Amino acid sequence: MNFRGQTFLLLLSILVLSTAGSARAADVRPVPGLSTNEIVEKLSTANARRAEMLRGYHGKRVYRLDYHGLFGSHDAEIQVEATYIAPDRKSFKVISESGSHLLINRVLLRLLSSEEQAQQEANRKALEVNSQNYDFVLDGIEHTPGGDCYVLDVKPKGKSAYLYRGKIWVDAHDFAIARMAGEPQKNPSIWVSHTEVEYRWAPKDGFWLPIRNQSITQVRMGGRANLTIDYSDYEITGARQANAGQRNGSAPSLPDPSTVTVDPH
């Protein structure tokens, strides 16, 4: 290739890169400067709209549990197909299991049962992230690989065992909870001394669904249990268009602590 051809390709490359850079810059949306109350209100409104539209989904999960402590070291895993039908039906089918049968039967399968019960309306209301259940304080704005988020400190009101204390990351454009890190307000078992939890959600076809839960539990009398739940292969099986101004549906919620906290005894 002669010098003129090389120069032309170089200029073309610069033009393409410049155009791509301009396109990316045009896609960047500024983060609105909102008060804590405005963020919480938009979070509740957006999630209610999504809840009204989502009629069902199907997906896969992998539950993994590692326990090290007074009773030795044990691990277990189950793979599950999960089905949700609005507004309150969840069902699970175990497709494989491996490891300690004690942990599978006394911990992992009980987590599935607890999650089914948590779908009942009375329990869902206790899990909602709203001003009736929590106090919020805006901690700042964080730029993450998944997008910009408002970071809010959450502190439970009252003494309900369904609530958490910690932080939530609210997507600044979709107003959905993208991440939560903290601890249950109350230990769900006398065998548990402390639990740290982290939950993550991601968008799928306009809905925000869980992609990973992790809890690290310190067990009384010595011991540590690490539980992870990975979600994949989502398929939206039912959706409908929300009415303009629709405000019905559920507020954003966090999992029932009993569905993610390990009690290996």
Protein backbone atom coordinates (compact mmCIF):
# COMPACT_ATOMS: atom_id res chain seq x y z
CA MET A 1 0.00 0.00 0.00
CA ASN A 2 1.38 3.43 -0.97
CA PHE A 3 1.66 6.44 1.32
CA ARG A 4 -1.54 8.01 0.01
CA GLY A 5 -3.51 4.83 0.75
CA GLN A 6 -2.08 4.59 4.25
CA THR A 7 -2.95 8.22 4.92
CA PHE A 8 -6.52 7.68 3.71
CA LEU A 9 -6.98 4.66 6.03
CA LEU A 10 -5.55 6.61 8.97
CA LEU A 11 -7.92 9.53 8.37
CA LEU A 12 -10.82 7.10 7.97
CA SER A 13 -9.95 5.42 11.27
CA ILE A 14 -9.80 8.78 13.05
CA LEU A 15 -13.15 9.76 11.57
CA VAL A 16 -14.78 6.48 12.69
CA LEU A 17 -13.40 6.76 16.22
CA SER A 18 -14.45 10.40 16.46
CA THR A 19 -17.95 9.55 15.30
CA ALA A 20 -18.21 6.67 17.75
CA GLY A 21 -17.00 8.91 20.55
CA SER A 22 -19.60 11.53 19.64
CA ALA A 23 -22.35 8.91 19.60
CA ARG A 24 -21.38 7.65 23.04
CA ALA A 25 -21.26 11.19 24.37
CA ALA A 26 -24.74 11.85 22.98
CA ASP A 27 -26.05 8.76 24.84
CA VAL A 28 -24.82 10.02 28.21
CA ARG A 29 -27.76 11.40 30.14
CA PRO A 30 -27.21 13.77 33.06
CA VAL A 31 -28.21 12.56 36.51
CA PRO A 32 -31.13 14.65 37.79
CA GLY A 33 -30.44 16.44 41.06
CA LEU A 34 -33.26 15.11 43.23
CA SER A 35 -34.05 15.15 46.92
CA THR A 36 -34.27 11.97 48.97
CA ASN A 37 -38.08 12.11 49.00
CA GLU A 38 -38.23 12.61 45.23
CA ILE A 39 -35.98 9.60 44.63
CA VAL A 40 -38.05 7.37 46.91
CA GLU A 41 -41.29 8.53 45.29
CA LYS A 42 -39.96 7.89 41.78
CA LEU A 43 -38.65 4.49 42.88
CA SER A 44 -42.06 3.47 44.22
CA THR A 45 -43.92 4.79 41.17
CA ALA A 46 -41.61 3.16 38.61
CA ASN A 47 -41.60 -0.18 40.40
CA ALA A 48 -45.39 -0.15 40.75
CA ARG A 49 -45.66 0.36 37.00
CA ARG A 50 -43.29 -2.53 36.31
CA ALA A 51 -45.12 -4.76 38.80
CA GLU A 52 -48.41 -4.04 37.07
CA MET A 53 -46.93 -4.90 33.67
CA LEU A 54 -45.07 -8.08 34.68
CA ARG A 55 -47.45 -11.03 34.59
CA GLY A 56 -44.97 -13.88 34.74
CA TYR A 57 -41.47 -15.16 34.13
CA HIS A 58 -39.45 -18.36 34.09
CA GLY A 59 -35.79 -18.75 34.97
CA LYS A 60 -33.03 -20.87 36.43
CA ARG A 61 -31.19 -20.57 39.73
CA VAL A 62 -28.16 -22.16 41.34
CA TYR A 63 -28.03 -22.24 45.14
CA ARG A 64 -24.57 -22.90 46.62
CA LEU A 65 -23.81 -23.25 50.32
CA ASP A 66 -20.41 -23.68 51.97
CA TYR A 67 -20.21 -24.24 55.73
CA HIS A 68 -17.03 -24.34 57.83
CA GLY A 69 -17.13 -24.60 61.59
CA LEU A 70 -17.78 -26.71 64.64
CA PHE A 71 -19.44 -29.45 62.59
CA GLY A 72 -16.64 -29.66 60.04
CA SER A 73 -16.67 -28.45 56.43
CA HIS A 74 -19.62 -29.20 54.17
CA ASP A 75 -21.01 -27.89 50.92
CA ALA A 76 -24.15 -28.36 48.89
CA GLU A 77 -25.67 -27.17 45.61
CA ILE A 78 -29.04 -27.36 43.97
CA GLN A 79 -30.14 -26.16 40.53
CA VAL A 80 -33.70 -24.98 40.30
CA GLU A 81 -36.23 -23.92 37.71
CA ALA A 82 -38.35 -21.06 39.05
CA THR A 83 -41.71 -19.83 37.77
CA TYR A 84 -43.51 -16.65 38.79
CA ILE A 85 -47.17 -15.90 38.01
CA ALA A 86 -48.54 -12.53 39.07
CA PRO A 87 -49.43 -11.41 41.57
CA ASP A 88 -48.33 -13.91 44.22
CA ARG A 89 -47.48 -17.36 42.89
CA LYS A 90 -43.94 -18.75 42.83
CA SER A 91 -43.10 -22.38 42.24
CA PHE A 92 -39.80 -24.24 42.11
CA LYS A 93 -38.62 -27.46 40.52
CA VAL A 94 -35.29 -28.92 41.64
CA ILE A 95 -33.50 -30.29 38.58
CA SER A 96 -30.22 -31.37 40.23
CA GLU A 97 -28.56 -31.53 43.63
CA SER A 98 -25.13 -32.41 44.95
CA GLY A 99 -23.17 -32.33 48.18
CA SER A 100 -24.37 -32.65 51.77
CA HIS A 101 -27.90 -34.07 51.98
CA LEU A 102 -28.22 -32.50 55.44
CA LEU A 103 -27.59 -29.00 54.07
CA ILE A 104 -29.83 -29.63 51.07
CA ASN A 105 -32.78 -30.84 53.15
CA ARG A 106 -32.42 -28.60 56.20
CA VAL A 107 -31.27 -25.39 54.53
CA LEU A 108 -31.59 -25.08 50.75
CA LEU A 109 -35.01 -26.71 50.33
CA ARG A 110 -36.29 -24.71 53.31
CA LEU A 111 -35.16 -21.52 51.57
CA LEU A 112 -37.41 -22.39 48.62
CA SER A 113 -40.36 -22.99 50.93
CA SER A 114 -39.72 -19.69 52.74
CA GLU A 115 -39.68 -17.79 49.46
CA GLU A 116 -43.02 -19.26 48.40
CA GLN A 117 -44.54 -18.10 51.70
CA ALA A 118 -42.96 -14.65 51.35
CA GLN A 119 -45.09 -14.06 48.23
CA GLN A 120 -48.25 -13.89 50.33
CA GLU A 121 -49.69 -10.37 50.37
CA ALA A 122 -49.27 -9.74 54.11
CA ASN A 123 -45.60 -10.73 53.94
CA ARG A 124 -44.94 -8.71 50.78
CA LYS A 125 -46.16 -5.51 52.44
CA ALA A 126 -43.72 -6.05 55.29
CA LEU A 127 -40.85 -6.37 52.76
CA GLU A 128 -41.58 -3.20 50.78
CA VAL A 129 -38.96 -0.48 50.50
CA ASN A 130 -41.08 2.58 51.25
CA SER A 131 -41.41 5.43 53.72
CA GLN A 132 -43.73 3.36 55.92
CA ASN A 133 -41.01 0.77 56.56
CA TYR A 134 -37.78 2.78 56.23
CA ASP A 135 -36.09 6.12 56.81
CA PHE A 136 -33.89 7.19 53.88
CA VAL A 137 -30.88 9.49 53.63
CA LEU A 138 -29.25 10.34 50.29
CA ASP A 139 -25.56 9.44 50.54
CA GLY A 140 -24.55 10.59 47.07
CA ILE A 141 -24.35 9.59 43.40
CA GLU A 142 -22.13 6.72 42.27
CA HIS A 143 -20.95 6.08 38.73
CA THR A 144 -20.94 2.31 38.18
CA PRO A 145 -20.23 0.17 35.08
CA GLY A 146 -23.97 -0.52 34.91
CA GLY A 147 -24.91 3.16 35.04
CA ASP A 148 -25.32 6.03 37.47
CA CYS A 149 -27.01 5.30 40.79
CA TYR A 150 -28.34 7.26 43.73
CA VAL A 151 -26.95 5.73 46.92
CA LEU A 152 -29.36 5.81 49.86
CA ASP A 153 -28.82 4.81 53.47
CA VAL A 154 -31.81 2.82 54.71
CA LYS A 155 -32.78 2.47 58.35
CA PRO A 156 -35.78 0.39 59.44
CA LYS A 157 -38.75 1.88 61.20
CA GLY A 158 -40.06 -0.28 64.01
CA LYS A 159 -38.71 -3.70 64.87
CA SER A 160 -40.00 -5.95 62.10
CA ALA A 161 -37.87 -9.02 61.41
CA TYR A 162 -38.50 -8.53 57.66
CA LEU A 163 -36.42 -5.36 57.36
CA TYR A 164 -32.77 -4.53 56.68
CA ARG A 165 -30.32 -1.78 57.55
CA GLY A 166 -27.68 -0.75 55.04
CA LYS A 167 -27.54 0.92 51.62
CA ILE A 168 -29.46 0.66 48.36
CA TRP A 169 -28.30 1.74 44.90
CA VAL A 170 -31.14 3.16 42.82
CA ASP A 171 -30.64 3.34 39.06
CA ALA A 172 -30.74 7.04 38.21
CA HIS A 173 -32.73 6.61 34.99
CA ASP A 174 -34.99 3.58 35.51
CA PHE A 175 -35.50 4.20 39.25
CA ALA A 176 -35.08 0.55 40.16
CA ILE A 177 -33.01 -0.95 42.96
CA ALA A 178 -29.82 -2.22 41.31
CA ARG A 179 -28.00 -3.28 44.46
CA MET A 180 -28.48 -3.61 48.20
CA ALA A 181 -25.84 -4.26 50.88
CA GLY A 182 -26.44 -4.53 54.60
CA GLU A 183 -27.77 -6.85 57.27
CA PRO A 184 -31.16 -8.02 58.54
CA GLN A 185 -32.51 -5.91 61.36
CA LYS A 186 -33.06 -9.07 63.42
CA ASN A 187 -31.36 -12.44 63.32
CA PRO A 188 -33.86 -14.94 61.92
CA SER A 189 -32.47 -17.75 64.07
CA ILE A 190 -31.01 -18.16 67.56
CA TRP A 191 -28.12 -20.02 65.92
CA VAL A 192 -27.09 -16.95 63.91
CA SER A 193 -24.92 -14.23 65.44
CA HIS A 194 -24.48 -11.97 62.40
CA THR A 195 -25.30 -11.94 58.68
CA GLU A 196 -24.01 -9.73 55.89
CA VAL A 197 -26.02 -9.67 52.67
CA GLU A 198 -25.65 -8.27 49.17
CA TYR A 199 -28.30 -8.43 46.46
CA ARG A 200 -28.02 -7.38 42.83
CA TRP A 201 -30.64 -6.81 40.11
CA ALA A 202 -30.34 -6.12 36.37
CA PRO A 203 -32.75 -5.10 33.59
CA LYS A 204 -34.37 -7.75 31.42
CA ASP A 205 -36.84 -6.72 28.70
CA GLY A 206 -37.84 -3.60 30.65
CA PHE A 207 -38.06 -5.32 34.04
CA TRP A 208 -35.49 -5.43 36.85
CA LEU A 209 -34.95 -8.98 38.10
CA PRO A 210 -32.48 -10.48 40.60
CA ILE A 211 -29.19 -11.78 39.22
CA ARG A 212 -27.23 -12.63 42.38
CA ASN A 213 -27.74 -12.87 46.13
CA GLN A 214 -24.98 -13.53 48.62
CA SER A 215 -25.12 -13.87 52.38
CA ILE A 216 -22.30 -14.59 54.80
CA THR A 217 -23.56 -15.86 58.14
CA GLN A 218 -21.59 -16.16 61.36
CA VAL A 219 -22.95 -19.09 63.36
CA ARG A 220 -23.03 -19.11 67.15
CA MET A 221 -20.61 -21.56 68.81
CA GLY A 222 -18.26 -20.98 65.90
CA GLY A 223 -18.70 -21.39 62.18
CA ARG A 224 -19.31 -19.53 58.97
CA ALA A 225 -21.74 -20.21 56.15
CA ASN A 226 -21.55 -18.64 52.70
CA LEU A 227 -24.69 -18.82 50.56
CA THR A 228 -24.90 -17.61 46.96
CA ILE A 229 -27.88 -17.65 44.62
CA ASP A 230 -27.19 -17.04 40.93
CA TYR A 231 -30.09 -16.35 38.55
CA SER A 232 -30.00 -16.89 34.79
CA ASP A 233 -31.96 -17.75 31.61
CA TYR A 234 -34.89 -15.45 32.32
CA GLU A 235 -37.86 -15.68 29.99
CA ILE A 236 -40.70 -13.19 30.37
CA THR A 237 -43.84 -15.31 29.98
CA GLY A 238 -46.42 -12.59 30.50
CA ALA A 239 -46.47 -8.80 30.22
CA ARG A 240 -49.03 -6.14 29.53
CA GLN A 241 -49.11 -2.43 28.87
CA ALA A 242 -49.63 -0.33 31.98
CA ASN A 243 -52.34 2.33 31.86
CA ALA A 244 -51.19 5.93 31.79
CA GLY A 245 -50.64 7.15 35.31
CA GLN A 246 -51.00 3.61 36.68
CA ARG A 247 -50.06 3.55 40.34
CA ASN A 248 -51.30 0.12 41.38
CA GLY A 249 -48.96 -2.77 42.08
CA SER A 250 -46.32 -3.40 44.69
CA ALA A 251 -43.61 -1.11 45.97
CA PRO A 252 -39.98 -2.18 45.55
CA SER A 253 -39.13 -4.93 48.02
CA LEU A 254 -36.17 -6.88 49.38
CA PRO A 255 -36.11 -10.64 49.97
CA ASP A 256 -37.43 -12.02 53.22
CA PRO A 257 -34.31 -12.49 55.41
CA SER A 258 -35.40 -16.05 56.14
CA THR A 259 -35.15 -16.89 52.43
CA VAL A 260 -31.46 -15.97 52.18
CA THR A 261 -30.08 -16.40 55.69
CA VAL A 262 -28.40 -19.69 56.52
CA ASP A 263 -29.24 -21.74 59.62
CA PRO A 264 -27.26 -24.98 59.15
CA HIS A 265 -28.62 -26.72 62.29
